[in-house]
C-alpha atoms as a PDB file:
ATOM      1  CA  VAL A   1       0.000   0.000   0.000  1.00  0.00           C
ATOM      2  CA  ALA A   2       2.803   2.412   0.874  1.00  0.00           C
ATOM      3  CA  GLU A   3       4.582   1.922  -2.443  1.00  0.00           C
ATOM      4  CA  ARG A   4       1.358   2.195  -4.441  1.00  0.00           C
ATOM      5  CA  SER A   5       0.564   5.461  -2.660  1.00  0.00           C
ATOM      6  CA  ARG A   6       3.990   6.894  -3.450  1.00  0.00           C
ATOM      7  CA  GLU A   7       3.683   5.790  -7.106  1.00  0.00           C
ATOM      8  CA  ARG A   8       0.583   7.949  -7.339  1.00  0.00           C
ATOM      9  CA  GLY A   9       2.190  10.966  -5.705  1.00  0.00           C
ATOM     10  CA  LEU A  10       0.370  10.510  -2.401  1.00  0.00           C
ATOM     11  CA  GLN A  11       3.422  11.134  -0.247  1.00  0.00           C
ATOM     12  CA  HIS A  12       1.682  11.565   3.099  1.00  0.00           C
ATOM     13  CA  SER A  13      -0.455   8.459   2.552  1.00  0.00           C
ATOM     14  CA  GLY A  14       2.687   6.516   1.685  1.00  0.00           C
ATOM     15  CA  LYS A  15       4.388   7.772   4.842  1.00  0.00           C
ATOM     16  CA  TRP A  16       1.382   6.850   6.977  1.00  0.00           C
ATOM     17  CA  ALA A  17       1.164   3.358   5.461  1.00  0.00           C
ATOM     18  CA  SER A  18       4.911   2.833   5.962  1.00  0.00           C
ATOM     19  CA  GLU A  19       4.695   3.892   9.601  1.00  0.00           C
ATOM     20  CA  LEU A  20       1.744   1.585  10.158  1.00  0.00           C
ATOM     21  CA  ALA A  21       3.523  -1.352   8.502  1.00  0.00           C
ATOM     22  CA  PHE A  22       6.595  -0.713  10.653  1.00  0.00           C
ATOM     23  CA  ALA A  23       4.503  -0.733  13.840  1.00  0.00           C
ATOM     24  CA  LEU A  24       2.824  -4.059  13.016  1.00  0.00           C
ATOM     25  CA  ASP A  25       4.352  -7.504  13.256  1.00  0.00           C
ATOM     26  CA  PRO A  26       5.673  -8.620   9.859  1.00  0.00           C
ATOM     27  CA  LEU A  27       3.622 -11.130   7.892  1.00  0.00           C
ATOM     28  CA  PRO A  28       5.101 -14.513   7.041  1.00  0.00           C
ATOM     29  CA  LEU A  29       6.266 -14.685   3.436  1.00  0.00           C
ATOM     30  CA  ASN A  30       3.451 -17.031   2.405  1.00  0.00           C
ATOM     31  CA  GLU A  31       0.833 -14.525   3.677  1.00  0.00           C
ATOM     32  CA  LEU A  32       2.120 -11.490   1.778  1.00  0.00           C
ATOM     33  CA  PRO A  33      -0.244 -10.296  -0.963  1.00  0.00           C
ATOM     34  CA  PRO A  34       0.943 -11.011  -4.501  1.00  0.00           C
ATOM     35  CA  VAL A  35       2.599  -8.211  -6.445  1.00  0.00           C
ATOM     36  CA  PRO A  36       0.141  -6.971  -9.093  1.00  0.00           C
ATOM     37  CA  GLU A  37       1.102  -7.859 -12.638  1.00  0.00           C
ATOM     38  CA  LEU A  38       1.918  -5.178 -15.182  1.00  0.00           C
ATOM     39  CA  THR A  39      -1.066  -4.727 -17.483  1.00  0.00           C
ATOM     40  CA  GLU A  40      -0.866  -3.975 -21.196  1.00  0.00           C
ATOM     41  CA  GLU A  41      -2.032  -0.401 -20.516  1.00  0.00           C
ATOM     42  CA  ASP A  42       0.599   0.063 -17.807  1.00  0.00           C
ATOM     43  CA  ALA A  43       3.325  -1.235 -20.126  1.00  0.00           C
ATOM     44  CA  CYS A  44       2.274   1.130 -22.932  1.00  0.00           C
ATOM     45  CA  ASP A  45       2.228   4.116 -20.568  1.00  0.00           C
ATOM     46  CA  LEU A  46       5.381   3.246 -18.604  1.00  0.00           C
ATOM     47  CA  ASP A  47       7.821   5.673 -20.263  1.00  0.00           C
ATOM     48  CA  ALA A  48       5.388   8.601 -20.200  1.00  0.00           C
ATOM     49  CA  TYR A  49       4.390   7.780 -16.628  1.00  0.00           C
ATOM     50  CA  THR A  50       8.008   7.610 -15.455  1.00  0.00           C
ATOM     51  CA  LEU A  51       8.834  10.968 -17.068  1.00  0.00           C
ATOM     52  CA  ALA A  52       5.668  12.598 -15.744  1.00  0.00           C
ATOM     53  CA  LYS A  53       6.267  11.236 -12.238  1.00  0.00           C
ATOM     54  CA  SER A  54       9.713  12.853 -12.286  1.00  0.00           C
ATOM     55  CA  TYR A  55       8.128  16.203 -13.140  1.00  0.00           C
ATOM     56  CA  PHE A  56       5.406  15.647 -10.554  1.00  0.00           C
ATOM     57  CA  ASP A  57       7.985  14.984  -7.826  1.00  0.00           C
ATOM     58  CA  LEU A  58       9.645  18.304  -8.754  1.00  0.00           C
ATOM     59  CA  LYS A  59       6.248  20.052  -8.437  1.00  0.00           C
ATOM     60  CA  GLU A  60       6.090  20.759 -12.195  1.00  0.00           C
ATOM     61  CA  TYR A  61       2.440  19.748 -12.359  1.00  0.00           C
ATOM     62  CA  ASP A  62       1.536  21.244 -15.753  1.00  0.00           C
ATOM     63  CA  ARG A  63       4.469  19.509 -17.378  1.00  0.00           C
ATOM     64  CA  ALA A  64       3.541  16.209 -15.705  1.00  0.00           C
ATOM     65  CA  ALA A  65      -0.060  16.510 -16.914  1.00  0.00           C
ATOM     66  CA  TYR A  66       1.118  17.292 -20.448  1.00  0.00           C
ATOM     67  CA  PHE A  67       3.032  14.026 -20.745  1.00  0.00           C
ATOM     68  CA  LEU A  68       0.161  12.018 -19.255  1.00  0.00           C
ATOM     69  CA  ARG A  69      -2.616  13.498 -21.407  1.00  0.00           C
ATOM     70  CA  ASN A  70      -2.833  10.514 -23.805  1.00  0.00           C
ATOM     71  CA  CYS A  71      -2.199   7.724 -21.293  1.00  0.00           C
ATOM     72  CA  LYS A  72      -4.859   5.059 -20.780  1.00  0.00           C
ATOM     73  CA  SER A  73      -3.838   3.188 -17.620  1.00  0.00           C
ATOM     74  CA  PRO A  74      -5.735   3.951 -14.401  1.00  0.00           C
ATOM     75  CA  LYS A  75      -2.525   4.833 -12.541  1.00  0.00           C
ATOM     76  CA  ALA A  76      -1.423   7.296 -15.230  1.00  0.00           C
ATOM     77  CA  TYR A  77      -4.918   8.793 -15.426  1.00  0.00           C
ATOM     78  CA  PHE A  78      -4.960   9.322 -11.662  1.00  0.00           C
ATOM     79  CA  LEU A  79      -1.597  11.096 -11.764  1.00  0.00           C
ATOM     80  CA  TYR A  80      -2.817  13.185 -14.724  1.00  0.00           C
ATOM     81  CA  MET A  81      -5.912  14.360 -12.849  1.00  0.00           C
ATOM     82  CA  TYR A  82      -4.017  14.867  -9.588  1.00  0.00           C
ATOM     83  CA  SER A  83      -1.375  16.912 -11.444  1.00  0.00           C
ATOM     84  CA  ARG A  84      -4.064  19.116 -12.960  1.00  0.00           C
ATOM     85  CA  TYR A  85      -5.684  19.600  -9.557  1.00  0.00           C
ATOM     86  CA  LEU A  86      -2.406  20.493  -7.827  1.00  0.00           C
ATOM     87  CA  SER A  87      -1.499  22.815 -10.699  1.00  0.00           C
ATOM     88  CA  GLY A  88      -4.735  24.712 -10.186  1.00  0.00           C
ATOM     89  CA  GLU A  89      -4.162  24.910  -6.443  1.00  0.00           C
ATOM     90  CA  LYS A  90      -0.601  26.137  -6.970  1.00  0.00           C
ATOM     91  CA  LYS A  91      -1.764  28.826  -9.421  1.00  0.00           C
ATOM     92  CA  LYS A  92      -4.509  29.901  -7.032  1.00  0.00           C
ATOM     93  CA  ASP A  93      -1.987  30.224  -4.204  1.00  0.00           C
ATOM     94  CA  ASP A  94       0.418  32.163  -6.441  1.00  0.00           C
ATOM     95  CA  GLU A  95      -2.342  34.579  -7.462  1.00  0.00           C
ATOM     96  CA  THR A  96      -3.328  35.098  -3.831  1.00  0.00           C
ATOM     97  CA  VAL A  97       0.256  35.912  -2.881  1.00  0.00           C
ATOM     98  CA  ASP A  98       0.583  38.246  -5.887  1.00  0.00           C
ATOM     99  CA  SER A  99      -2.610  40.100  -5.047  1.00  0.00           C
ATOM    100  CA  LEU A 100      -1.652  40.400  -1.381  1.00  0.00           C
ATOM    101  CA  GLY A 101       1.806  41.602  -2.343  1.00  0.00           C
ATOM    102  CA  LYS A 102       0.359  44.245  -4.675  1.00  0.00           C
ATOM    103  CA  GLU A 103      -2.102  45.417  -2.030  1.00  0.00           C
ATOM    104  CA  ALA A 104       0.664  45.711   0.510  1.00  0.00           C
ATOM    105  CA  LYS A 105       2.644  47.992  -1.842  1.00  0.00           C
ATOM    106  CA  VAL A 106      -0.258  50.401  -2.370  1.00  0.00           C
ATOM    107  CA  PRO A 107      -0.401  52.958   0.487  1.00  0.00           C
END
């Protein structure tokens, strides 16, 4: 769960899941859930997803969304939509700071 969260850019969820896993007793090897197989969609989107995830991790959300725009896998689509959302939030915050800064300069 922790790794899947981090793959999708959910850093705090990944941290929480890692902390929880650390606090619990480890599962025996035969009780661990199987690693999900790579689907055809995931394989087709892998290069674009990897590039976009690099941009996402650097907080370049518009650039990440651009490279994910034609991807079909659910994981890539999630990162595409999340990148667009965070881009909008970042722009909104930047505009708020700009408007506050301009107001502060006017006597």
